[in-house]
N, C-alpha and C. Protein backbone atom coordinates (compact mmCIF):
# COMPACT_ATOMS: atom_id res chain seq x y z
N UNK A 1 -27.11 -34.17 16.44
CA UNK A 1 -28.14 -33.52 17.35
C UNK A 1 -27.76 -33.18 18.70
N UNK A 2 -26.65 -33.91 19.07
CA UNK A 2 -25.98 -32.88 20.66
C UNK A 2 -25.42 -31.73 20.08
N UNK A 3 -24.54 -31.79 18.98
CA UNK A 3 -24.23 -30.45 18.47
C UNK A 3 -25.25 -29.36 18.60
N UNK A 4 -26.14 -29.25 17.79
CA UNK A 4 -27.41 -28.62 17.62
C UNK A 4 -28.10 -28.33 18.91
N UNK A 5 -27.91 -29.11 19.95
CA UNK A 5 -28.41 -29.15 21.26
C UNK A 5 -27.63 -28.04 21.95
N UNK A 6 -25.95 -28.42 21.90
CA UNK A 6 -24.82 -27.42 22.52
C UNK A 6 -25.05 -25.90 21.48
N UNK A 7 -25.23 -25.69 20.82
CA UNK A 7 -25.37 -24.27 19.77
C UNK A 7 -26.46 -23.77 20.29
N UNK A 8 -27.74 -24.19 20.44
CA UNK A 8 -28.81 -23.90 20.96
C UNK A 8 -28.69 -23.14 22.17
N UNK A 9 -27.85 -23.96 23.50
CA UNK A 9 -27.37 -23.43 24.76
C UNK A 9 -26.55 -22.20 24.39
N UNK A 10 -25.50 -22.51 23.66
CA UNK A 10 -24.98 -21.39 23.41
C UNK A 10 -25.49 -20.23 22.92
N UNK A 11 -26.73 -20.46 21.96
CA UNK A 11 -27.19 -18.92 21.54
C UNK A 11 -28.10 -18.71 22.65
N UNK A 12 -28.71 -19.08 23.51
CA UNK A 12 -29.54 -19.08 24.82
C UNK A 12 -29.09 -18.37 25.19
N UNK A 13 -27.62 -18.47 25.89
CA UNK A 13 -26.76 -17.59 26.65
C UNK A 13 -26.27 -16.35 26.18
N UNK A 14 -26.36 -16.11 24.96
CA UNK A 14 -25.95 -14.86 24.21
C UNK A 14 -24.33 -15.10 23.69
N UNK A 15 -23.70 -15.96 23.60
CA UNK A 15 -22.48 -16.26 23.29
C UNK A 15 -22.32 -16.71 22.07
N UNK A 16 -23.31 -17.39 21.06
CA UNK A 16 -23.25 -17.67 19.88
C UNK A 16 -24.17 -17.07 19.12
N UNK A 17 -24.56 -16.22 18.53
CA UNK A 17 -25.43 -15.94 17.48
C UNK A 17 -25.47 -16.70 16.33
N UNK A 18 -26.55 -16.70 15.44
CA UNK A 18 -26.46 -17.18 14.22
C UNK A 18 -27.38 -16.78 13.46
N UNK A 19 -27.12 -16.72 11.77
CA UNK A 19 -28.30 -16.15 10.87
C UNK A 19 -28.42 -17.14 9.74
N UNK A 20 -29.26 -17.46 8.91
CA UNK A 20 -29.50 -18.26 8.01
C UNK A 20 -28.75 -17.43 6.75
N UNK A 21 -27.63 -18.51 5.98
CA UNK A 21 -27.65 -17.73 5.01
C UNK A 21 -27.58 -18.56 3.14
N UNK A 22 -27.71 -18.05 2.29
CA UNK A 22 -27.84 -19.18 1.33
C UNK A 22 -26.85 -18.93 0.31
N UNK A 23 -26.19 -20.31 0.06
CA UNK A 23 -24.94 -20.46 -0.56
C UNK A 23 -24.76 -21.10 -1.66
N UNK A 24 -25.71 -20.53 -2.36
CA UNK A 24 -25.46 -21.37 -3.76
C UNK A 24 -26.69 -22.36 -3.60
N UNK A 25 -26.16 -23.50 -4.51
CA UNK A 25 -27.13 -24.73 -4.37
C UNK A 25 -27.39 -25.29 -3.28
N UNK A 26 -29.35 -25.41 -3.12
CA UNK A 26 -28.96 -26.28 -1.49
C UNK A 26 -29.99 -25.50 -0.79
N UNK A 27 -30.37 -26.07 0.33
CA UNK A 27 -31.10 -25.14 1.14
C UNK A 27 -30.02 -24.11 2.00
N UNK A 28 -30.71 -23.50 2.95
CA UNK A 28 -29.46 -22.37 3.26
C UNK A 28 -29.26 -22.91 4.96
N UNK A 29 -28.20 -22.55 5.50
CA UNK A 29 -26.93 -22.92 6.09
C UNK A 29 -27.06 -21.99 7.31
N UNK A 30 -26.79 -22.54 8.57
CA UNK A 30 -26.48 -21.26 9.33
C UNK A 30 -25.31 -21.08 9.16
N UNK A 31 -24.86 -19.92 9.67
CA UNK A 31 -23.61 -19.29 9.76
C UNK A 31 -23.55 -18.75 11.45
N UNK A 32 -22.73 -19.17 11.89
CA UNK A 32 -22.41 -19.13 13.82
C UNK A 32 -21.50 -18.25 13.36
N UNK A 33 -21.80 -17.17 14.92
CA UNK A 33 -20.35 -16.24 14.90
C UNK A 33 -20.31 -16.33 16.59
N UNK A 34 -19.35 -15.42 16.94
CA UNK A 34 -19.25 -15.06 18.37
C UNK A 34 -19.61 -13.55 18.91
N UNK A 35 -20.36 -13.61 19.83
CA UNK A 35 -20.75 -12.44 20.57
C UNK A 35 -19.98 -11.81 21.37
N UNK A 36 -20.35 -10.27 21.41
CA UNK A 36 -18.70 -9.70 22.15
C UNK A 36 -18.56 -10.68 23.52
N UNK A 37 -20.07 -10.74 24.07
CA UNK A 37 -19.93 -12.28 25.27
C UNK A 37 -19.09 -12.92 24.85
N UNK A 38 -19.15 -13.69 23.65
CA UNK A 38 -18.48 -15.11 23.18
C UNK A 38 -16.82 -14.53 23.15
N UNK A 39 -16.65 -13.44 22.66
CA UNK A 39 -15.25 -13.04 22.73
C UNK A 39 -14.62 -13.05 23.63
N UNK A 40 -15.32 -12.15 24.86
CA UNK A 40 -14.84 -12.25 26.10
C UNK A 40 -14.34 -13.58 26.79
N UNK A 41 -14.87 -14.27 26.14
CA UNK A 41 -14.60 -15.58 27.06
C UNK A 41 -12.95 -16.24 26.22
N UNK A 42 -12.82 -15.79 25.32
CA UNK A 42 -11.42 -15.87 24.95
C UNK A 42 -10.31 -14.97 25.84
N UNK A 43 -8.84 -15.96 26.20
CA UNK A 43 -8.11 -15.21 27.05
C UNK A 43 -7.55 -13.81 26.23
N UNK A 44 -7.30 -12.48 26.76
CA UNK A 44 -6.89 -11.55 26.16
C UNK A 44 -5.83 -11.08 26.50
N UNK A 45 -4.76 -11.76 27.24
CA UNK A 45 -4.01 -11.51 28.56
C UNK A 45 -2.58 -11.10 27.50
N UNK A 46 -2.27 -11.78 26.32
CA UNK A 46 -1.12 -10.94 25.49
C UNK A 46 -0.61 -9.85 24.87
N UNK A 47 -2.24 -9.10 24.86
CA UNK A 47 -1.80 -8.12 24.12
C UNK A 47 -0.70 -7.09 24.69
N UNK A 48 -0.75 -6.55 25.78
CA UNK A 48 -0.08 -5.63 26.72
C UNK A 48 1.42 -5.86 26.57
N UNK A 49 1.78 -7.08 26.58
CA UNK A 49 3.56 -7.58 26.50
C UNK A 49 3.98 -7.55 25.18
N UNK A 50 2.73 -7.81 23.98
CA UNK A 50 3.22 -8.17 22.68
C UNK A 50 3.31 -6.41 22.11
N UNK A 51 2.43 -6.04 22.65
CA UNK A 51 2.78 -4.46 22.12
C UNK A 51 3.74 -3.90 22.48
N UNK A 52 4.21 -4.13 23.97
CA UNK A 52 5.75 -3.27 24.64
C UNK A 52 6.57 -3.73 23.64
N UNK A 53 6.33 -4.95 23.10
CA UNK A 53 7.84 -5.56 22.58
C UNK A 53 7.79 -5.05 21.00
N UNK A 54 6.60 -5.08 20.45
CA UNK A 54 6.64 -4.26 18.88
C UNK A 54 7.03 -2.85 19.00
N UNK A 55 6.31 -2.02 20.11
CA UNK A 55 6.93 -1.01 20.22
C UNK A 55 8.35 -1.12 20.30
N UNK A 56 9.23 -1.77 21.17
CA UNK A 56 10.41 -1.44 21.20
C UNK A 56 11.24 -2.06 19.86
N UNK A 57 10.33 -2.83 19.33
CA UNK A 57 11.15 -3.03 17.88
C UNK A 57 10.83 -1.90 16.81
N UNK A 58 9.96 -1.17 16.86
CA UNK A 58 9.55 -0.02 16.36
C UNK A 58 10.36 1.06 16.60
N UNK A 59 10.79 1.39 17.56
CA UNK A 59 11.78 2.31 17.75
C UNK A 59 13.17 2.05 17.59
N UNK A 60 13.46 0.93 18.01
CA UNK A 60 14.90 0.69 17.72
C UNK A 60 15.27 0.52 16.38
N UNK A 61 14.43 -0.22 15.57
CA UNK A 61 14.62 -0.51 13.92
C UNK A 61 13.83 -0.37 12.73
N UNK A 62 12.68 0.37 13.42
CA UNK A 62 11.48 0.94 12.33
C UNK A 62 10.46 0.05 12.15
N UNK A 63 9.52 0.58 11.61
CA UNK A 63 8.31 0.07 10.82
C UNK A 63 8.44 -0.89 10.35
N UNK A 64 9.64 -1.10 9.67
CA UNK A 64 10.02 -2.28 8.63
C UNK A 64 10.05 -3.49 9.50
N UNK A 65 11.09 -3.32 10.50
CA UNK A 65 10.93 -4.64 11.57
C UNK A 65 9.95 -5.32 11.87
N UNK A 66 8.96 -4.23 12.22
CA UNK A 66 7.77 -5.13 12.53
C UNK A 66 7.20 -6.05 11.91
N UNK A 67 6.93 -5.33 10.39
CA UNK A 67 6.33 -6.08 9.38
C UNK A 67 7.00 -7.53 9.04
N UNK A 68 8.72 -7.40 9.04
CA UNK A 68 9.22 -8.68 8.74
C UNK A 68 9.03 -9.39 9.94
N UNK A 69 8.41 -8.94 10.77
CA UNK A 69 8.58 -10.10 12.13
C UNK A 69 7.30 -11.18 11.47
N UNK A 70 6.05 -10.36 11.29
CA UNK A 70 5.21 -10.97 10.80
C UNK A 70 4.85 -11.52 9.17
N UNK A 71 5.79 -11.03 8.41
CA UNK A 71 5.78 -11.38 7.16
C UNK A 71 6.64 -12.86 7.15
N UNK A 72 7.58 -13.00 8.16
CA UNK A 72 8.34 -14.17 8.92
C UNK A 72 7.22 -15.10 9.10
N UNK A 73 6.70 -14.89 9.80
CA UNK A 73 5.63 -16.27 10.58
C UNK A 73 4.61 -16.20 9.47
N UNK A 74 4.07 -15.66 8.74
CA UNK A 74 3.34 -16.27 7.40
C UNK A 74 4.11 -17.14 6.30
N UNK A 75 5.15 -16.24 6.37
CA UNK A 75 6.08 -17.24 5.32
C UNK A 75 6.19 -18.80 5.43
N UNK A 76 6.14 -19.09 6.56
CA UNK A 76 6.69 -20.25 7.57
C UNK A 76 5.09 -21.15 6.98
N UNK A 77 4.32 -20.18 7.56
CA UNK A 77 3.08 -21.19 7.23
C UNK A 77 2.97 -21.47 5.52
N UNK A 78 3.05 -20.37 4.92
CA UNK A 78 2.77 -20.36 3.63
C UNK A 78 3.59 -21.34 2.99
N UNK A 79 4.86 -21.74 3.45
CA UNK A 79 5.78 -22.87 2.73
C UNK A 79 5.69 -24.05 3.18
N UNK A 80 4.86 -24.39 4.47
CA UNK A 80 4.23 -25.27 4.34
C UNK A 80 3.33 -25.88 3.96
N UNK A 81 1.94 -24.88 3.41
CA UNK A 81 1.07 -25.28 2.65
C UNK A 81 1.22 -25.20 1.08
N UNK A 82 2.30 -24.77 0.59
CA UNK A 82 2.27 -24.97 -0.69
C UNK A 82 2.44 -25.88 -1.45
N UNK A 83 3.29 -26.78 -1.13
CA UNK A 83 3.23 -28.08 -1.47
C UNK A 83 1.81 -28.49 -1.77
N UNK A 84 1.01 -28.70 -0.52
CA UNK A 84 0.04 -29.49 -0.55
C UNK A 84 -1.10 -28.33 -1.24
N UNK A 85 -0.89 -27.26 -1.48
CA UNK A 85 -2.29 -26.54 -2.54
C UNK A 85 -1.70 -26.33 -3.94
N UNK A 86 -0.34 -26.25 -4.18
CA UNK A 86 -0.09 -25.92 -5.51
C UNK A 86 -0.76 -25.94 -6.86
N UNK A 87 -1.05 -27.68 -6.61
CA UNK A 87 -1.75 -28.09 -7.72
C UNK A 87 -3.59 -28.03 -7.88
N UNK A 88 -3.98 -27.68 -6.68
CA UNK A 88 -5.19 -27.64 -6.46
C UNK A 88 -6.03 -26.45 -6.99
N UNK A 89 -7.18 -26.83 -7.62
CA UNK A 89 -8.25 -25.61 -8.18
C UNK A 89 -7.99 -24.52 -6.97
N UNK A 90 -8.08 -23.18 -7.80
CA UNK A 90 -8.50 -22.43 -6.28
C UNK A 90 -9.39 -22.72 -5.58
N UNK A 91 -11.07 -22.95 -5.69
CA UNK A 91 -11.61 -23.28 -4.75
C UNK A 91 -11.14 -23.98 -3.45
N UNK A 92 -10.22 -25.39 -3.93
CA UNK A 92 -9.79 -25.99 -2.91
C UNK A 92 -9.09 -25.75 -2.32
N UNK A 93 -8.07 -24.91 -3.01
CA UNK A 93 -6.87 -23.95 -2.24
C UNK A 93 -7.49 -22.96 -0.98
N UNK A 94 -8.52 -22.20 -1.27
CA UNK A 94 -9.13 -21.26 -0.50
C UNK A 94 -9.92 -21.89 0.86
N UNK A 95 -10.56 -23.09 0.17
CA UNK A 95 -11.11 -23.82 1.46
C UNK A 95 -9.97 -24.54 2.64
N UNK A 96 -9.19 -25.11 1.92
CA UNK A 96 -7.73 -25.53 2.93
C UNK A 96 -7.30 -24.73 3.47
N UNK A 97 -7.20 -23.18 3.06
CA UNK A 97 -6.84 -21.84 3.55
C UNK A 97 -7.37 -21.85 4.70
N UNK A 98 -8.90 -21.56 4.68
CA UNK A 98 -9.74 -21.29 5.53
C UNK A 98 -9.26 -22.44 6.71
N UNK A 99 -9.22 -23.82 6.52
CA UNK A 99 -9.05 -24.44 7.54
C UNK A 99 -7.73 -24.10 8.40
N UNK A 100 -6.65 -23.62 7.59
CA UNK A 100 -5.51 -23.39 8.28
C UNK A 100 -5.46 -22.31 8.96
N UNK A 101 -6.10 -21.18 8.50
CA UNK A 101 -6.31 -20.12 9.20
C UNK A 101 -7.07 -20.14 10.86
N UNK A 102 -8.18 -21.08 10.76
CA UNK A 102 -8.71 -21.46 11.51
C UNK A 102 -7.86 -22.15 12.86
N UNK A 103 -6.95 -23.10 12.33
CA UNK A 103 -6.33 -23.72 13.23
C UNK A 103 -5.25 -23.00 13.92
N UNK A 104 -5.40 -21.51 13.46
CA UNK A 104 -4.56 -20.97 14.28
C UNK A 104 -5.30 -19.59 14.53
N UNK A 105 -6.68 -19.88 15.06
CA UNK A 105 -7.43 -19.07 15.61
C UNK A 105 -8.45 -17.75 15.55
N UNK A 106 -8.41 -18.02 13.51
CA UNK A 106 -8.88 -17.06 12.86
C UNK A 106 -10.67 -17.09 12.69
N UNK A 107 -11.05 -18.71 13.06
CA UNK A 107 -12.32 -19.07 12.66
C UNK A 107 -12.90 -18.20 11.21
N UNK A 108 -11.69 -19.10 10.57
CA UNK A 108 -12.14 -18.71 8.92
C UNK A 108 -12.82 -19.61 8.19
N UNK A 109 -13.47 -19.47 7.17
CA UNK A 109 -14.07 -19.82 6.33
C UNK A 109 -14.28 -19.76 4.67
N UNK A 110 -14.22 -20.42 3.92
CA UNK A 110 -14.59 -19.99 2.53
C UNK A 110 -15.52 -19.88 2.10
N UNK A 111 -16.14 -18.78 1.25
CA UNK A 111 -17.47 -18.66 0.48
C UNK A 111 -17.06 -18.97 -1.16
N UNK A 112 -17.98 -19.37 -1.65
CA UNK A 112 -18.12 -19.57 -3.16
C UNK A 112 -19.02 -19.13 -3.61
N UNK A 113 -19.54 -18.07 -4.75
CA UNK A 113 -20.40 -17.76 -5.57
C UNK A 113 -20.01 -17.65 -7.08
N UNK A 114 -20.63 -18.41 -7.71
CA UNK A 114 -20.33 -18.43 -8.94
C UNK A 114 -18.54 -18.82 -8.93
N UNK A 115 -17.88 -17.96 -9.62
CA UNK A 115 -16.73 -18.20 -9.62
C UNK A 115 -15.91 -16.95 -8.60
N UNK A 116 -16.70 -16.44 -7.89
CA UNK A 116 -15.96 -15.62 -6.76
C UNK A 116 -15.79 -16.48 -5.30
N UNK A 117 -14.71 -16.18 -4.93
CA UNK A 117 -14.37 -16.72 -3.69
C UNK A 117 -14.12 -15.64 -2.77
N UNK A 118 -14.53 -16.07 -1.49
CA UNK A 118 -14.04 -14.75 -0.40
C UNK A 118 -13.80 -15.77 1.02
N UNK A 119 -12.72 -15.23 1.39
CA UNK A 119 -12.34 -15.98 2.84
C UNK A 119 -12.44 -15.13 3.91
N UNK A 120 -13.34 -15.63 4.91
CA UNK A 120 -13.82 -14.72 5.79
C UNK A 120 -13.10 -15.19 6.89
N UNK A 121 -12.88 -14.46 8.00
CA UNK A 121 -12.42 -14.60 9.38
C UNK A 121 -13.22 -13.89 10.51
N UNK A 122 -13.80 -14.36 11.05
CA UNK A 122 -14.79 -14.08 12.17
C UNK A 122 -13.91 -13.76 13.62
N UNK A 123 -12.95 -14.27 13.83
CA UNK A 123 -12.06 -13.80 14.96
C UNK A 123 -10.57 -13.65 14.57
N UNK A 124 -9.94 -12.85 15.43
CA UNK A 124 -8.65 -12.18 14.94
C UNK A 124 -7.96 -12.36 16.73
N UNK A 125 -7.27 -13.12 16.77
CA UNK A 125 -6.30 -12.91 18.21
C UNK A 125 -5.61 -11.88 17.91
N UNK A 126 -5.55 -10.70 17.05
CA UNK A 126 -4.37 -9.77 17.15
C UNK A 126 -4.91 -8.58 16.50
N UNK A 127 -6.63 -8.33 16.95
CA UNK A 127 -6.95 -6.98 16.44
C UNK A 127 -6.61 -6.08 17.44
N UNK A 128 -6.23 -6.14 18.43
CA UNK A 128 -5.78 -5.04 19.10
C UNK A 128 -4.16 -4.71 18.73
N UNK A 129 -3.71 -5.44 18.01
CA UNK A 129 -2.20 -5.19 17.81
C UNK A 129 -2.12 -4.85 16.41
N UNK A 130 -3.24 -5.30 15.82
CA UNK A 130 -3.34 -5.09 14.40
C UNK A 130 -3.51 -2.94 14.42
N UNK A 131 -4.64 -2.80 15.24
CA UNK A 131 -5.16 -1.41 15.56
C UNK A 131 -3.64 -0.26 15.51
N UNK A 132 -2.64 -0.77 16.23
CA UNK A 132 -1.58 -0.02 16.21
C UNK A 132 -0.61 -0.52 15.35
N UNK A 133 -0.68 -1.75 15.02
CA UNK A 133 0.36 -1.98 13.82
C UNK A 133 -0.27 -2.49 12.50
N UNK A 134 -0.91 -1.70 11.91
CA UNK A 134 -1.67 -2.11 10.54
C UNK A 134 -0.37 -2.96 9.84
N UNK A 135 0.67 -3.00 9.42
CA UNK A 135 1.75 -3.71 9.03
C UNK A 135 1.41 -5.30 9.17
N UNK A 136 0.43 -5.59 10.32
CA UNK A 136 0.49 -6.82 10.76
C UNK A 136 -0.75 -7.55 9.48
N UNK A 137 -1.87 -6.55 9.21
CA UNK A 137 -2.99 -6.84 8.53
C UNK A 137 -2.26 -7.07 7.42
N UNK A 138 -1.21 -6.03 6.83
CA UNK A 138 -0.65 -6.25 5.33
C UNK A 138 -0.25 -7.07 5.32
N UNK A 139 0.86 -7.93 5.99
CA UNK A 139 1.38 -9.16 5.97
C UNK A 139 0.34 -10.38 5.95
N UNK A 140 -0.30 -10.18 6.57
CA UNK A 140 -1.58 -11.67 6.40
C UNK A 140 -2.12 -11.44 4.91
N UNK A 141 -2.81 -10.20 4.44
CA UNK A 141 -3.14 -9.91 2.82
C UNK A 141 -2.13 -10.73 2.06
N UNK A 142 -0.59 -10.08 2.19
CA UNK A 142 0.52 -11.06 1.38
C UNK A 142 0.36 -12.73 1.38
N UNK A 143 0.42 -12.95 2.56
CA UNK A 143 0.51 -14.57 3.05
C UNK A 143 -0.99 -15.17 2.10
N UNK A 144 -1.99 -14.33 2.43
CA UNK A 144 -3.01 -15.10 1.29
C UNK A 144 -2.80 -15.12 0.12
N UNK A 145 -2.50 -14.40 -0.38
CA UNK A 145 -2.37 -14.04 -1.85
C UNK A 145 -1.19 -15.02 -2.13
N UNK A 146 -0.19 -15.08 -1.46
CA UNK A 146 0.65 -16.29 -1.81
C UNK A 146 0.32 -17.67 -1.91
N UNK A 147 -0.25 -17.85 -1.05
CA UNK A 147 -0.89 -19.69 -0.58
C UNK A 147 -1.96 -19.53 -1.50
N UNK A 148 -2.70 -18.44 -1.96
CA UNK A 148 -3.61 -18.70 -2.84
C UNK A 148 -2.75 -18.68 -4.41
N UNK A 149 -2.05 -18.08 -4.43
CA UNK A 149 -1.63 -17.61 -5.93
C UNK A 149 -2.66 -16.93 -6.69
N UNK A 150 -3.19 -15.91 -6.24
CA UNK A 150 -4.32 -15.00 -6.75
C UNK A 150 -4.30 -14.00 -6.00
N UNK A 151 -4.92 -13.07 -6.81
CA UNK A 151 -4.61 -11.40 -6.13
C UNK A 151 -6.15 -11.37 -4.90
N UNK A 152 -5.72 -10.86 -4.04
CA UNK A 152 -6.94 -10.44 -2.83
C UNK A 152 -7.26 -8.96 -2.63
N UNK A 153 -8.18 -8.46 -2.14
CA UNK A 153 -8.64 -7.51 -1.68
C UNK A 153 -9.50 -7.32 -0.68
N UNK A 154 -9.36 -6.89 0.44
CA UNK A 154 -9.99 -6.86 1.44
C UNK A 154 -10.94 -6.03 1.45
N UNK A 155 -12.22 -6.51 1.63
CA UNK A 155 -13.59 -5.99 1.39
C UNK A 155 -14.02 -5.33 2.89
N UNK A 156 -13.58 -6.07 4.15
CA UNK A 156 -14.02 -5.77 5.19
C UNK A 156 -12.91 -5.85 6.15
N UNK A 157 -12.81 -5.51 7.35
CA UNK A 157 -11.59 -5.47 8.20
C UNK A 157 -12.25 -4.90 9.47
N UNK A 158 -11.87 -5.99 10.34
CA UNK A 158 -12.13 -5.83 12.00
C UNK A 158 -11.93 -4.64 12.46
N UNK A 159 -10.26 -3.97 12.17
CA UNK A 159 -9.81 -3.13 12.74
C UNK A 159 -10.61 -1.94 12.37
N UNK A 160 -11.25 -1.83 11.37
CA UNK A 160 -12.05 -0.28 11.23
C UNK A 160 -13.47 -0.72 12.01
N UNK A 161 -14.13 -1.95 12.79
CA UNK A 161 -15.11 -1.84 13.01
C UNK A 161 -16.19 -2.76 12.84
N UNK A 162 -15.64 -3.95 11.54
CA UNK A 162 -16.27 -4.80 10.91
C UNK A 162 -15.91 -5.91 11.97
N UNK A 163 -17.34 -6.78 11.78
CA UNK A 163 -17.27 -8.21 12.72
C UNK A 163 -16.49 -8.92 12.12
N UNK A 164 -16.17 -8.92 10.81
CA UNK A 164 -15.15 -9.79 10.35
C UNK A 164 -14.12 -9.23 9.27
N UNK A 165 -12.77 -9.74 8.91
CA UNK A 165 -12.25 -9.26 8.03
C UNK A 165 -12.58 -10.31 6.56
N UNK A 166 -13.02 -9.94 5.54
CA UNK A 166 -12.84 -10.32 4.44
C UNK A 166 -12.04 -10.00 3.54
N UNK A 167 -11.71 -11.27 2.38
CA UNK A 167 -10.80 -11.07 1.56
C UNK A 167 -11.85 -11.54 0.25
N UNK A 168 -11.66 -10.71 -0.51
CA UNK A 168 -12.23 -11.36 -1.78
C UNK A 168 -11.50 -11.99 -2.93
N UNK A 169 -11.19 -12.96 -3.45
CA UNK A 169 -9.94 -13.72 -4.59
C UNK A 169 -10.28 -13.16 -5.49
N UNK A 170 -9.21 -12.99 -6.25
CA UNK A 170 -9.63 -12.68 -7.50
C UNK A 170 -8.28 -14.01 -8.56
N UNK A 171 -9.03 -14.60 -9.27
CA UNK A 171 -7.48 -15.62 -10.23
C UNK A 171 -6.64 -14.69 -10.33
N UNK A 172 -5.47 -15.25 -10.55
CA UNK A 172 -4.04 -14.56 -11.23
C UNK A 172 -4.41 -14.12 -12.53
N UNK A 173 -4.01 -12.56 -12.38
CA UNK A 173 -4.17 -11.97 -13.50
C UNK A 173 -4.99 -11.22 -13.92
N UNK A 174 -6.33 -11.38 -13.15
CA UNK A 174 -7.58 -10.53 -13.36
C UNK A 174 -6.84 -9.08 -12.40
N UNK A 175 -7.75 -8.10 -12.74
CA UNK A 175 -7.33 -7.00 -12.40
C UNK A 175 -8.16 -6.46 -10.61
N UNK A 176 -7.45 -5.41 -10.13
CA UNK A 176 -8.20 -5.49 -8.75
C UNK A 176 -7.17 -4.71 -8.04
N UNK A 177 -7.39 -4.31 -6.85
CA UNK A 177 -6.28 -3.72 -5.71
C UNK A 177 -5.91 -4.64 -5.32
N UNK A 178 -4.42 -4.34 -4.52
CA UNK A 178 -3.87 -5.17 -4.19
C UNK A 178 -4.12 -4.68 -2.56
N UNK A 179 -4.45 -5.45 -1.52
CA UNK A 179 -4.51 -4.76 -0.06
C UNK A 179 -3.25 -5.72 0.89
């Protein structure tokens, strides 16, 4: 009840809108997200110095060096999660991956409809960086594939104006484009 009252207050303040979603068996659930006003509450001061540093790396070492920075970050996270996830079914791996991404500020969730798995990120601390350095998003997609042991296809992208980044997950061995 306390959580419901708090979410209602945030909704009334225009910070957290919600919508009802049907997710397979059972009653509908409420899916909450941050409005633009809610996003504005998160500090955004990191972008300028990070962008300047990445520009310097790109100028002196090339775009590949920028990609390697983010690939290394994701590789460390992937290695830490690998032993915990490797023997689990895809749905459980995806659920734990969503928790891991959320712990790093992505407000991620996993949705399973039939055999289809979607990883949805409702917040990205790197949106401004990714708009100038698309290699950041490519490294993230490779990380998701590596952790899940499955192909992923990006179906929504915040950098292009979508409200979320979404990855559709395909079992290893199935066809589909790699993003």
